[in-house]
Amino acid sequence: MKLYRSLLVLGLIGALLVFPIKSVRTQNGKVSAQQSMSDKRDGQHDFDFLVGSWKFHLKRLKRRLVGSTEWVEFDGTTVCRKVLDGRAEVEEMNVVSADKLIHIQGLALRLYNPDSHQWSIYWANAADGVLEQNPMVGQFNNGRGEFYNQQVYEGRAIYARFVWSGVTTDSPHFEQAFSTDGGKTWETNWITDQTKEKP
């Protein structure tokens, strides 16, 4: 029994000595995977730039994935606010065409995962009242946010991509694109440039 306790104590001491060493920088300057995960950049505030009320100009490709180059343009408004102590955001979008024939109302729900350091973006269109179950997932790097998912568009399996840029400027830029070849090429089909409304 004494031998068992002695081995147990030695094992615990050994573990305490080994694990701290794994989390320090090695002699060649590389950081172990354990430390790099814990030091990974916190992106919880990456969408803070969108909080508030905005006007935006929207360009939408009239027909997607058929080689079309015809765009339609609209103006709209959006309001974004933080929820869940900043770990999520809700954005309401409203677009009406000049001839009043097209009215788009939508809601984006963005949720931050502190373990993966990524955002999941869900979309709901007021026309059908359904929150999409397959979110766009991604993160920001050097001021550029990229988010991806797989979905079915008009019966075809595609990749979809959101890109946010210009997030530190007075006019953030957003693009949506689809790919039918596994991400080798992309067709941009939705572009918005936003302007902050005066409080």
N, C-alpha and C. Protein backbone atom coordinates (compact mmCIF):
# COMPACT_ATOMS: atom_id res chain seq x y z
N MET A 1 0.83 -1.21 0.00
CA MET A 1 0.00 0.00 0.00
C MET A 1 0.86 1.26 0.00
N LYS A 2 1.97 1.21 0.80
CA LYS A 2 2.88 2.37 0.85
C LYS A 2 3.52 2.58 -0.52
N LEU A 3 3.88 1.47 -1.19
CA LEU A 3 4.49 1.57 -2.51
C LEU A 3 3.51 2.23 -3.49
N TYR A 4 2.23 1.85 -3.44
CA TYR A 4 1.21 2.40 -4.32
C TYR A 4 1.06 3.91 -4.10
N ARG A 5 1.03 4.31 -2.80
CA ARG A 5 0.91 5.75 -2.49
C ARG A 5 2.13 6.52 -2.98
N SER A 6 3.29 5.93 -2.80
CA SER A 6 4.52 6.60 -3.24
C SER A 6 4.52 6.79 -4.75
N LEU A 7 4.07 5.77 -5.50
CA LEU A 7 4.02 5.88 -6.95
C LEU A 7 2.99 6.93 -7.38
N LEU A 8 1.86 6.98 -6.66
CA LEU A 8 0.82 7.95 -6.97
C LEU A 8 1.33 9.38 -6.77
N VAL A 9 1.99 9.61 -5.65
CA VAL A 9 2.54 10.93 -5.36
C VAL A 9 3.58 11.32 -6.40
N LEU A 10 4.48 10.37 -6.76
CA LEU A 10 5.50 10.66 -7.77
C LEU A 10 4.85 10.97 -9.12
N GLY A 11 3.76 10.25 -9.44
CA GLY A 11 3.07 10.52 -10.70
C GLY A 11 2.46 11.90 -10.74
N LEU A 12 1.85 12.32 -9.62
CA LEU A 12 1.26 13.67 -9.56
C LEU A 12 2.32 14.75 -9.67
N ILE A 13 3.44 14.56 -8.98
CA ILE A 13 4.53 15.54 -9.06
C ILE A 13 5.06 15.61 -10.48
N GLY A 14 5.20 14.45 -11.11
CA GLY A 14 5.67 14.43 -12.50
C GLY A 14 4.73 15.18 -13.43
N ALA A 15 3.43 14.99 -13.22
CA ALA A 15 2.45 15.69 -14.06
C ALA A 15 2.54 17.20 -13.88
N LEU A 16 2.72 17.63 -12.62
CA LEU A 16 2.83 19.07 -12.37
C LEU A 16 4.07 19.65 -13.03
N LEU A 17 5.12 18.86 -13.11
CA LEU A 17 6.35 19.35 -13.74
C LEU A 17 6.24 19.36 -15.26
N VAL A 18 5.52 18.39 -15.83
CA VAL A 18 5.45 18.27 -17.28
C VAL A 18 4.51 19.30 -17.91
N PHE A 19 3.28 19.46 -17.37
CA PHE A 19 2.30 20.30 -18.03
C PHE A 19 2.68 21.77 -18.10
N PRO A 20 3.29 22.38 -17.05
CA PRO A 20 3.71 23.78 -17.21
C PRO A 20 4.76 23.94 -18.30
N ILE A 21 5.62 22.94 -18.44
CA ILE A 21 6.66 23.04 -19.46
C ILE A 21 6.05 23.06 -20.85
N LYS A 22 4.96 22.32 -21.05
CA LYS A 22 4.32 22.29 -22.36
C LYS A 22 3.72 23.62 -22.74
N SER A 23 3.40 24.46 -21.75
CA SER A 23 2.72 25.71 -22.06
C SER A 23 3.68 26.89 -22.19
N VAL A 24 4.99 26.66 -22.14
CA VAL A 24 5.94 27.76 -22.28
C VAL A 24 6.56 27.72 -23.66
N ARG A 25 7.18 28.82 -24.01
CA ARG A 25 7.82 28.94 -25.31
C ARG A 25 9.05 28.03 -25.36
N THR A 26 9.21 27.32 -26.46
CA THR A 26 10.36 26.42 -26.60
C THR A 26 11.60 27.23 -26.95
N GLN A 27 12.75 26.56 -26.95
CA GLN A 27 14.01 27.27 -27.19
C GLN A 27 14.07 27.92 -28.56
N ASN A 28 13.43 27.31 -29.55
CA ASN A 28 13.47 27.91 -30.89
C ASN A 28 12.40 28.98 -31.10
N GLY A 29 11.68 29.36 -30.03
CA GLY A 29 10.73 30.46 -30.11
C GLY A 29 9.33 30.07 -30.47
N LYS A 30 9.08 28.79 -30.74
CA LYS A 30 7.74 28.35 -31.09
C LYS A 30 6.90 28.17 -29.85
N VAL A 31 5.59 28.39 -29.98
CA VAL A 31 4.67 28.22 -28.86
C VAL A 31 3.92 26.92 -29.07
N SER A 32 3.77 26.16 -28.01
CA SER A 32 3.07 24.89 -28.12
C SER A 32 1.61 25.10 -28.46
N ALA A 33 0.95 24.04 -28.95
CA ALA A 33 -0.46 24.12 -29.32
C ALA A 33 -1.32 24.47 -28.11
N GLN A 34 -0.93 23.96 -26.93
CA GLN A 34 -1.70 24.23 -25.73
C GLN A 34 -1.73 25.72 -25.43
N GLN A 35 -0.59 26.38 -25.53
CA GLN A 35 -0.56 27.81 -25.24
C GLN A 35 -1.20 28.62 -26.35
N SER A 36 -0.97 28.23 -27.63
CA SER A 36 -1.52 29.03 -28.71
C SER A 36 -3.04 29.03 -28.68
N MET A 37 -3.67 27.93 -28.22
CA MET A 37 -5.12 27.92 -28.10
C MET A 37 -5.59 28.89 -27.01
N SER A 38 -4.87 28.89 -25.88
CA SER A 38 -5.30 29.77 -24.79
C SER A 38 -5.02 31.23 -25.10
N ASP A 39 -4.02 31.49 -25.95
CA ASP A 39 -3.67 32.87 -26.30
C ASP A 39 -4.38 33.35 -27.56
N LYS A 40 -5.24 32.51 -28.14
CA LYS A 40 -5.91 32.88 -29.38
C LYS A 40 -6.72 34.16 -29.18
N ARG A 41 -6.70 35.00 -30.20
CA ARG A 41 -7.34 36.30 -30.14
C ARG A 41 -8.83 36.20 -29.80
N ASP A 42 -9.27 37.02 -28.85
CA ASP A 42 -10.69 37.08 -28.48
C ASP A 42 -11.41 37.98 -29.48
N GLY A 43 -12.37 37.41 -30.20
CA GLY A 43 -13.08 38.18 -31.22
C GLY A 43 -14.47 38.62 -30.82
N GLN A 44 -14.76 38.62 -29.52
CA GLN A 44 -16.11 38.92 -29.06
C GLN A 44 -16.58 40.30 -29.49
N HIS A 45 -15.67 41.24 -29.69
CA HIS A 45 -16.07 42.61 -30.02
C HIS A 45 -15.92 42.93 -31.51
N ASP A 46 -15.69 41.90 -32.32
CA ASP A 46 -15.44 42.16 -33.75
C ASP A 46 -16.61 42.79 -34.48
N PHE A 47 -17.83 42.52 -34.04
CA PHE A 47 -19.00 43.10 -34.70
C PHE A 47 -19.50 44.36 -34.00
N ASP A 48 -18.75 44.88 -33.05
CA ASP A 48 -19.18 46.10 -32.36
C ASP A 48 -19.36 47.28 -33.32
N PHE A 49 -18.61 47.25 -34.42
CA PHE A 49 -18.69 48.36 -35.37
C PHE A 49 -20.09 48.50 -35.98
N LEU A 50 -20.88 47.44 -35.94
CA LEU A 50 -22.21 47.48 -36.55
C LEU A 50 -23.31 47.98 -35.61
N VAL A 51 -23.00 48.09 -34.33
CA VAL A 51 -24.02 48.50 -33.37
C VAL A 51 -24.48 49.93 -33.68
N GLY A 52 -25.80 50.10 -33.76
CA GLY A 52 -26.35 51.41 -34.06
C GLY A 52 -27.30 51.35 -35.25
N SER A 53 -27.64 52.52 -35.78
CA SER A 53 -28.56 52.63 -36.91
C SER A 53 -27.79 53.05 -38.16
N TRP A 54 -28.11 52.42 -39.28
CA TRP A 54 -27.38 52.64 -40.52
C TRP A 54 -28.33 52.83 -41.70
N LYS A 55 -27.86 53.57 -42.69
CA LYS A 55 -28.45 53.54 -44.02
C LYS A 55 -27.47 52.76 -44.89
N PHE A 56 -28.00 52.06 -45.90
CA PHE A 56 -27.07 51.36 -46.79
C PHE A 56 -27.59 51.34 -48.22
N HIS A 57 -26.64 51.19 -49.14
CA HIS A 57 -26.96 51.03 -50.55
C HIS A 57 -26.66 49.58 -50.91
N LEU A 58 -27.64 48.93 -51.52
CA LEU A 58 -27.54 47.51 -51.84
C LEU A 58 -27.55 47.30 -53.35
N LYS A 59 -26.60 46.47 -53.82
CA LYS A 59 -26.60 45.98 -55.20
C LYS A 59 -26.81 44.48 -55.12
N ARG A 60 -27.82 43.98 -55.86
CA ARG A 60 -28.11 42.55 -55.84
C ARG A 60 -28.14 42.02 -57.27
N LEU A 61 -27.40 40.94 -57.51
CA LEU A 61 -27.40 40.32 -58.83
C LEU A 61 -28.80 39.81 -59.13
N LYS A 62 -29.34 40.18 -60.30
CA LYS A 62 -30.73 39.85 -60.60
C LYS A 62 -30.94 38.34 -60.67
N ARG A 63 -30.02 37.63 -61.30
CA ARG A 63 -30.11 36.17 -61.37
C ARG A 63 -28.76 35.59 -60.98
N ARG A 64 -28.79 34.56 -60.14
CA ARG A 64 -27.56 34.00 -59.60
C ARG A 64 -27.17 32.69 -60.28
N LEU A 65 -25.86 32.52 -60.43
CA LEU A 65 -25.26 31.27 -60.92
C LEU A 65 -25.72 30.89 -62.33
N VAL A 66 -26.00 31.90 -63.14
CA VAL A 66 -26.34 31.66 -64.55
C VAL A 66 -25.51 32.54 -65.48
N GLY A 67 -24.48 33.19 -64.92
CA GLY A 67 -23.63 34.06 -65.73
C GLY A 67 -24.19 35.45 -65.94
N SER A 68 -25.20 35.84 -65.18
CA SER A 68 -25.82 37.16 -65.32
C SER A 68 -24.88 38.25 -64.84
N THR A 69 -24.97 39.41 -65.50
CA THR A 69 -24.21 40.59 -65.07
C THR A 69 -25.16 41.76 -64.79
N GLU A 70 -26.44 41.47 -64.70
CA GLU A 70 -27.44 42.52 -64.47
C GLU A 70 -27.70 42.67 -62.97
N TRP A 71 -27.51 43.89 -62.50
CA TRP A 71 -27.69 44.17 -61.07
C TRP A 71 -28.92 45.05 -60.85
N VAL A 72 -29.56 44.87 -59.71
CA VAL A 72 -30.62 45.78 -59.29
C VAL A 72 -30.14 46.46 -58.00
N GLU A 73 -30.56 47.71 -57.82
CA GLU A 73 -30.05 48.47 -56.69
C GLU A 73 -31.19 49.00 -55.82
N PHE A 74 -30.94 49.02 -54.53
CA PHE A 74 -31.92 49.47 -53.54
C PHE A 74 -31.23 50.30 -52.47
N ASP A 75 -32.03 51.00 -51.70
CA ASP A 75 -31.55 51.65 -50.49
C ASP A 75 -32.32 51.08 -49.32
N GLY A 76 -31.66 50.99 -48.18
CA GLY A 76 -32.31 50.41 -47.02
C GLY A 76 -31.77 50.94 -45.72
N THR A 77 -32.31 50.42 -44.65
CA THR A 77 -31.86 50.79 -43.30
C THR A 77 -31.66 49.52 -42.49
N THR A 78 -30.83 49.62 -41.48
CA THR A 78 -30.60 48.50 -40.58
C THR A 78 -30.31 49.03 -39.19
N VAL A 79 -30.74 48.28 -38.19
CA VAL A 79 -30.49 48.63 -36.80
C VAL A 79 -29.89 47.40 -36.12
N CYS A 80 -28.77 47.60 -35.45
CA CYS A 80 -28.08 46.49 -34.80
C CYS A 80 -27.87 46.80 -33.33
N ARG A 81 -28.12 45.81 -32.48
CA ARG A 81 -27.90 46.01 -31.04
C ARG A 81 -27.30 44.75 -30.43
N LYS A 82 -26.56 44.97 -29.35
CA LYS A 82 -25.95 43.86 -28.62
C LYS A 82 -26.98 43.21 -27.70
N VAL A 83 -26.84 41.89 -27.52
CA VAL A 83 -27.63 41.15 -26.54
C VAL A 83 -26.71 40.14 -25.86
N LEU A 84 -27.19 39.51 -24.82
CA LEU A 84 -26.41 38.51 -24.07
C LEU A 84 -25.06 39.06 -23.62
N ASP A 85 -25.07 40.26 -23.05
CA ASP A 85 -23.84 40.89 -22.55
C ASP A 85 -22.75 41.00 -23.61
N GLY A 86 -23.16 41.22 -24.86
CA GLY A 86 -22.19 41.42 -25.93
C GLY A 86 -21.72 40.15 -26.60
N ARG A 87 -22.23 39.01 -26.18
CA ARG A 87 -21.83 37.75 -26.81
C ARG A 87 -22.71 37.41 -28.01
N ALA A 88 -23.64 38.31 -28.31
CA ALA A 88 -24.52 38.13 -29.47
C ALA A 88 -25.01 39.49 -29.94
N GLU A 89 -25.46 39.52 -31.19
CA GLU A 89 -26.03 40.74 -31.75
C GLU A 89 -27.24 40.38 -32.60
N VAL A 90 -28.21 41.28 -32.59
CA VAL A 90 -29.40 41.14 -33.42
C VAL A 90 -29.47 42.34 -34.34
N GLU A 91 -29.65 42.07 -35.63
CA GLU A 91 -29.73 43.15 -36.61
C GLU A 91 -31.01 43.02 -37.42
N GLU A 92 -31.76 44.13 -37.54
CA GLU A 92 -32.98 44.16 -38.33
C GLU A 92 -32.74 44.99 -39.58
N MET A 93 -33.08 44.42 -40.74
CA MET A 93 -32.85 45.07 -42.02
C MET A 93 -34.17 45.34 -42.71
N ASN A 94 -34.25 46.48 -43.39
CA ASN A 94 -35.47 46.86 -44.09
C ASN A 94 -35.10 47.50 -45.42
N VAL A 95 -35.59 46.93 -46.52
CA VAL A 95 -35.30 47.44 -47.86
C VAL A 95 -36.60 47.58 -48.63
N VAL A 96 -36.79 48.74 -49.27
CA VAL A 96 -37.97 48.96 -50.12
C VAL A 96 -37.48 49.54 -51.44
N SER A 97 -37.89 48.94 -52.56
CA SER A 97 -37.47 49.47 -53.86
C SER A 97 -38.19 50.79 -54.15
N ALA A 98 -37.61 51.56 -55.05
CA ALA A 98 -38.16 52.88 -55.36
C ALA A 98 -39.60 52.79 -55.85
N ASP A 99 -39.93 51.72 -56.58
CA ASP A 99 -41.29 51.58 -57.10
C ASP A 99 -42.22 50.86 -56.10
N LYS A 100 -41.68 50.55 -54.91
CA LYS A 100 -42.44 49.92 -53.82
C LYS A 100 -42.90 48.49 -54.15
N LEU A 101 -42.34 47.90 -55.21
CA LEU A 101 -42.74 46.55 -55.59
C LEU A 101 -41.95 45.48 -54.86
N ILE A 102 -40.80 45.85 -54.33
CA ILE A 102 -39.97 44.90 -53.59
C ILE A 102 -39.77 45.41 -52.17
N HIS A 103 -40.07 44.57 -51.20
CA HIS A 103 -39.90 44.93 -49.80
C HIS A 103 -39.23 43.74 -49.11
N ILE A 104 -38.01 43.94 -48.63
CA ILE A 104 -37.26 42.88 -47.95
C ILE A 104 -37.11 43.27 -46.49
N GLN A 105 -37.59 42.41 -45.61
CA GLN A 105 -37.37 42.57 -44.18
C GLN A 105 -36.65 41.33 -43.67
N GLY A 106 -35.57 41.54 -42.96
CA GLY A 106 -34.81 40.39 -42.49
C GLY A 106 -34.20 40.64 -41.13
N LEU A 107 -33.79 39.55 -40.52
CA LEU A 107 -33.15 39.62 -39.21
C LEU A 107 -31.92 38.74 -39.21
N ALA A 108 -30.79 39.30 -38.77
CA ALA A 108 -29.56 38.52 -38.61
C ALA A 108 -29.30 38.34 -37.12
N LEU A 109 -29.02 37.12 -36.74
CA LEU A 109 -28.65 36.80 -35.36
C LEU A 109 -27.21 36.31 -35.37
N ARG A 110 -26.33 37.03 -34.66
CA ARG A 110 -24.91 36.66 -34.60
C ARG A 110 -24.56 36.20 -33.19
N LEU A 111 -24.00 35.01 -33.09
CA LEU A 111 -23.64 34.43 -31.78
C LEU A 111 -22.15 34.15 -31.74
N TYR A 112 -21.52 34.57 -30.64
CA TYR A 112 -20.07 34.36 -30.49
C TYR A 112 -19.78 33.14 -29.63
N ASN A 113 -18.88 32.28 -30.12
CA ASN A 113 -18.45 31.09 -29.38
C ASN A 113 -17.08 31.37 -28.78
N PRO A 114 -16.97 31.55 -27.44
CA PRO A 114 -15.68 31.89 -26.84
C PRO A 114 -14.67 30.75 -26.89
N ASP A 115 -15.12 29.51 -27.10
CA ASP A 115 -14.18 28.39 -27.20
C ASP A 115 -13.52 28.31 -28.56
N SER A 116 -14.31 28.47 -29.62
CA SER A 116 -13.74 28.41 -30.98
C SER A 116 -13.26 29.77 -31.46
N HIS A 117 -13.65 30.85 -30.74
CA HIS A 117 -13.34 32.24 -31.14
C HIS A 117 -13.95 32.56 -32.50
N GLN A 118 -15.11 31.98 -32.79
CA GLN A 118 -15.78 32.20 -34.06
C GLN A 118 -17.21 32.69 -33.83
N TRP A 119 -17.73 33.32 -34.88
CA TRP A 119 -19.12 33.78 -34.88
C TRP A 119 -19.95 32.86 -35.77
N SER A 120 -21.19 32.62 -35.36
CA SER A 120 -22.19 31.96 -36.19
C SER A 120 -23.26 32.97 -36.53
N ILE A 121 -23.60 33.08 -37.81
CA ILE A 121 -24.56 34.08 -38.27
C ILE A 121 -25.78 33.36 -38.85
N TYR A 122 -26.92 33.59 -38.22
CA TYR A 122 -28.18 33.01 -38.68
C TYR A 122 -29.01 34.10 -39.34
N TRP A 123 -29.83 33.73 -40.32
CA TRP A 123 -30.63 34.70 -41.07
C TRP A 123 -32.09 34.26 -41.07
N ALA A 124 -32.97 35.24 -40.94
CA ALA A 124 -34.41 34.99 -41.06
C ALA A 124 -35.02 36.05 -41.96
N ASN A 125 -35.85 35.61 -42.90
CA ASN A 125 -36.55 36.51 -43.80
C ASN A 125 -38.01 36.59 -43.33
N ALA A 126 -38.52 37.81 -43.20
CA ALA A 126 -39.89 37.97 -42.73
C ALA A 126 -40.90 37.35 -43.68
N ALA A 127 -40.51 37.16 -44.94
CA ALA A 127 -41.43 36.60 -45.93
C ALA A 127 -41.86 35.18 -45.59
N ASP A 128 -40.92 34.39 -45.00
CA ASP A 128 -41.29 33.02 -44.67
C ASP A 128 -41.26 32.74 -43.16
N GLY A 129 -40.72 33.67 -42.38
CA GLY A 129 -40.72 33.53 -40.94
C GLY A 129 -39.92 32.35 -40.41
N VAL A 130 -38.87 31.97 -41.14
CA VAL A 130 -38.05 30.81 -40.74
C VAL A 130 -36.62 31.26 -40.47
N LEU A 131 -36.08 30.85 -39.30
CA LEU A 131 -34.67 31.11 -38.99
C LEU A 131 -33.85 29.98 -39.62
N GLU A 132 -32.93 30.34 -40.52
CA GLU A 132 -32.12 29.32 -41.18
C GLU A 132 -31.36 28.49 -40.15
N GLN A 133 -31.31 27.19 -40.35
CA GLN A 133 -30.68 26.29 -39.39
C GLN A 133 -29.19 26.10 -39.62
N ASN A 134 -28.71 26.48 -40.80
CA ASN A 134 -27.30 26.27 -41.15
C ASN A 134 -26.58 27.61 -41.16
N PRO A 135 -25.91 27.98 -40.07
CA PRO A 135 -25.33 29.33 -39.99
C PRO A 135 -24.08 29.50 -40.83
N MET A 136 -23.77 30.75 -41.14
CA MET A 136 -22.46 31.11 -41.68
C MET A 136 -21.51 31.16 -40.48
N VAL A 137 -20.34 30.55 -40.60
CA VAL A 137 -19.41 30.47 -39.47
C VAL A 137 -18.04 31.00 -39.89
N GLY A 138 -17.43 31.81 -39.03
CA GLY A 138 -16.09 32.32 -39.34
C GLY A 138 -15.64 33.32 -38.32
N GLN A 139 -14.60 34.10 -38.69
CA GLN A 139 -14.03 35.07 -37.78
C GLN A 139 -13.33 36.19 -38.56
N PHE A 140 -12.85 37.18 -37.81
CA PHE A 140 -12.12 38.30 -38.39
C PHE A 140 -10.62 38.08 -38.23
N ASN A 141 -9.88 38.46 -39.26
CA ASN A 141 -8.42 38.49 -39.20
C ASN A 141 -7.96 39.77 -39.89
N ASN A 142 -7.19 40.57 -39.17
CA ASN A 142 -6.65 41.82 -39.72
C ASN A 142 -7.74 42.70 -40.33
N GLY A 143 -8.87 42.83 -39.62
CA GLY A 143 -9.93 43.73 -40.05
C GLY A 143 -10.83 43.20 -41.16
N ARG A 144 -10.66 41.95 -41.53
CA ARG A 144 -11.48 41.34 -42.58
C ARG A 144 -12.18 40.12 -42.01
N GLY A 145 -13.50 40.08 -42.13
CA GLY A 145 -14.26 38.95 -41.62
C GLY A 145 -14.72 38.05 -42.75
N GLU A 146 -14.48 36.74 -42.62
CA GLU A 146 -14.92 35.77 -43.62
C GLU A 146 -15.73 34.69 -42.93
N PHE A 147 -16.88 34.36 -43.53
CA PHE A 147 -17.83 33.42 -42.94
C PHE A 147 -18.35 32.51 -44.05
N TYR A 148 -18.45 31.20 -43.77
CA TYR A 148 -18.78 30.23 -44.80
C TYR A 148 -19.84 29.24 -44.32
N ASN A 149 -20.57 28.68 -45.28
CA ASN A 149 -21.37 27.50 -45.02
C ASN A 149 -21.62 26.76 -46.32
N GLN A 150 -22.25 25.60 -46.21
CA GLN A 150 -22.72 24.86 -47.37
C GLN A 150 -24.24 24.93 -47.35
N GLN A 151 -24.85 25.08 -48.51
CA GLN A 151 -26.30 25.16 -48.57
C GLN A 151 -26.79 24.67 -49.93
N VAL A 152 -28.09 24.59 -50.05
CA VAL A 152 -28.70 24.20 -51.32
C VAL A 152 -29.40 25.43 -51.89
N TYR A 153 -29.03 25.81 -53.11
CA TYR A 153 -29.65 26.95 -53.78
C TYR A 153 -30.29 26.47 -55.07
N GLU A 154 -31.59 26.58 -55.15
CA GLU A 154 -32.36 26.14 -56.31
C GLU A 154 -31.97 24.72 -56.73
N GLY A 155 -31.87 23.84 -55.72
CA GLY A 155 -31.60 22.44 -55.98
C GLY A 155 -30.14 22.07 -56.14
N ARG A 156 -29.23 23.07 -56.10
CA ARG A 156 -27.80 22.79 -56.29
C ARG A 156 -27.06 22.96 -54.97
N ALA A 157 -26.17 22.03 -54.67
CA ALA A 157 -25.33 22.15 -53.48
C ALA A 157 -24.22 23.16 -53.78
N ILE A 158 -24.11 24.17 -52.92
CA ILE A 158 -23.13 25.24 -53.15
C ILE A 158 -22.42 25.58 -51.85
N TYR A 159 -21.32 26.33 -51.98
CA TYR A 159 -20.71 27.00 -50.84
C TYR A 159 -21.16 28.46 -50.87
N ALA A 160 -21.36 29.03 -49.69
CA ALA A 160 -21.69 30.45 -49.59
C ALA A 160 -20.64 31.14 -48.72
N ARG A 161 -20.38 32.40 -49.02
CA ARG A 161 -19.37 33.16 -48.28
C ARG A 161 -19.86 34.57 -48.01
N PHE A 162 -19.67 35.04 -46.77
CA PHE A 162 -19.84 36.44 -46.41
C PHE A 162 -18.47 37.05 -46.19
N VAL A 163 -18.26 38.27 -46.65
CA VAL A 163 -17.01 38.99 -46.38
C VAL A 163 -17.34 40.39 -45.89
N TRP A 164 -16.81 40.75 -44.72
CA TRP A 164 -16.91 42.11 -44.20
C TRP A 164 -15.53 42.76 -44.31
N SER A 165 -15.48 43.99 -44.83
CA SER A 165 -14.23 44.75 -44.90
C SER A 165 -14.54 46.22 -44.61
N GLY A 166 -13.48 47.01 -44.47
CA GLY A 166 -13.66 48.43 -44.17
C GLY A 166 -14.35 48.68 -42.85
N VAL A 167 -14.15 47.76 -41.89
CA VAL A 167 -14.91 47.84 -40.64
C VAL A 167 -14.45 48.97 -39.72
N THR A 168 -13.30 49.56 -40.00
CA THR A 168 -12.83 50.68 -39.18
C THR A 168 -13.08 52.02 -39.88
N THR A 169 -13.82 51.99 -41.00
CA THR A 169 -14.12 53.21 -41.74
C THR A 169 -15.55 53.65 -41.46
N ASP A 170 -15.93 54.79 -42.06
CA ASP A 170 -17.29 55.29 -41.91
C ASP A 170 -18.29 54.57 -42.81
N SER A 171 -17.78 53.66 -43.68
CA SER A 171 -18.66 52.96 -44.61
C SER A 171 -18.24 51.49 -44.73
N PRO A 172 -18.62 50.67 -43.75
CA PRO A 172 -18.31 49.23 -43.84
C PRO A 172 -18.88 48.61 -45.11
N HIS A 173 -18.18 47.63 -45.64
CA HIS A 173 -18.52 47.00 -46.92
C HIS A 173 -18.81 45.52 -46.69
N PHE A 174 -19.90 45.04 -47.31
CA PHE A 174 -20.28 43.63 -47.17
C PHE A 174 -20.52 43.02 -48.54
N GLU A 175 -20.07 41.76 -48.71
CA GLU A 175 -20.34 41.03 -49.94
C GLU A 175 -20.75 39.60 -49.62
N GLN A 176 -21.72 39.11 -50.39
CA GLN A 176 -22.09 37.69 -50.35
C GLN A 176 -21.73 37.08 -51.69
N ALA A 177 -21.18 35.85 -51.67
CA ALA A 177 -20.82 35.18 -52.91
C ALA A 177 -21.17 33.70 -52.80
N PHE A 178 -21.42 33.08 -53.96
CA PHE A 178 -21.70 31.65 -54.05
C PHE A 178 -20.63 30.97 -54.91
N SER A 179 -20.38 29.69 -54.60
CA SER A 179 -19.45 28.89 -55.40
C SER A 179 -20.08 27.54 -55.69
N THR A 180 -19.97 27.10 -56.94
CA THR A 180 -20.48 25.77 -57.32
C THR A 180 -19.36 24.77 -57.56
N ASP A 181 -18.10 25.21 -57.36
CA ASP A 181 -16.97 24.31 -57.63
C ASP A 181 -16.09 24.11 -56.39
N GLY A 182 -16.73 24.07 -55.24
CA GLY A 182 -15.99 23.79 -54.02
C GLY A 182 -15.11 24.92 -53.52
N GLY A 183 -15.42 26.15 -53.95
CA GLY A 183 -14.67 27.31 -53.48
C GLY A 183 -13.51 27.72 -54.37
N LYS A 184 -13.37 27.10 -55.53
CA LYS A 184 -12.29 27.50 -56.45
C LYS A 184 -12.59 28.87 -57.06
N THR A 185 -13.85 29.07 -57.45
CA THR A 185 -14.27 30.36 -57.99
C THR A 185 -15.55 30.80 -57.28
N TRP A 186 -15.75 32.12 -57.22
CA TRP A 186 -16.89 32.69 -56.51
C TRP A 186 -17.62 33.70 -57.38
N GLU A 187 -18.95 33.71 -57.29
CA GLU A 187 -19.76 34.72 -57.94
C GLU A 187 -20.38 35.60 -56.85
N THR A 188 -19.97 36.86 -56.83
CA THR A 188 -20.55 37.81 -55.87
C THR A 188 -21.95 38.18 -56.33
N ASN A 189 -22.94 38.12 -55.40
CA ASN A 189 -24.32 38.39 -55.81
C ASN A 189 -25.03 39.42 -54.94
N TRP A 190 -24.35 39.92 -53.90
CA TRP A 190 -25.01 40.86 -52.97
C TRP A 190 -23.91 41.76 -52.40
N ILE A 191 -24.05 43.08 -52.55
CA ILE A 191 -23.04 44.02 -52.08
C ILE A 191 -23.73 45.16 -51.34
N THR A 192 -23.26 45.49 -50.16
CA THR A 192 -23.80 46.65 -49.46
C THR A 192 -22.66 47.53 -48.95
N ASP A 193 -22.90 48.83 -48.98
CA ASP A 193 -22.05 49.82 -48.33
C ASP A 193 -22.92 50.63 -47.40
N GLN A 194 -22.44 50.74 -46.15
CA GLN A 194 -23.28 51.33 -45.09
C GLN A 194 -22.77 52.70 -44.67
N THR A 195 -23.69 53.54 -44.21
CA THR A 195 -23.37 54.86 -43.67
C THR A 195 -24.10 55.01 -42.35
N LYS A 196 -23.36 55.34 -41.32
CA LYS A 196 -23.96 55.47 -39.97
C LYS A 196 -24.92 56.67 -39.95
N GLU A 197 -26.09 56.42 -39.38
CA GLU A 197 -27.05 57.50 -39.20
C GLU A 197 -26.65 58.34 -38.00
N LYS A 198 -26.92 59.62 -38.09
CA LYS A 198 -26.62 60.51 -36.96
C LYS A 198 -27.52 60.14 -35.79
N PRO A 199 -26.97 60.13 -34.58
CA PRO A 199 -27.80 59.78 -33.40
C PRO A 199 -28.93 60.79 -33.21
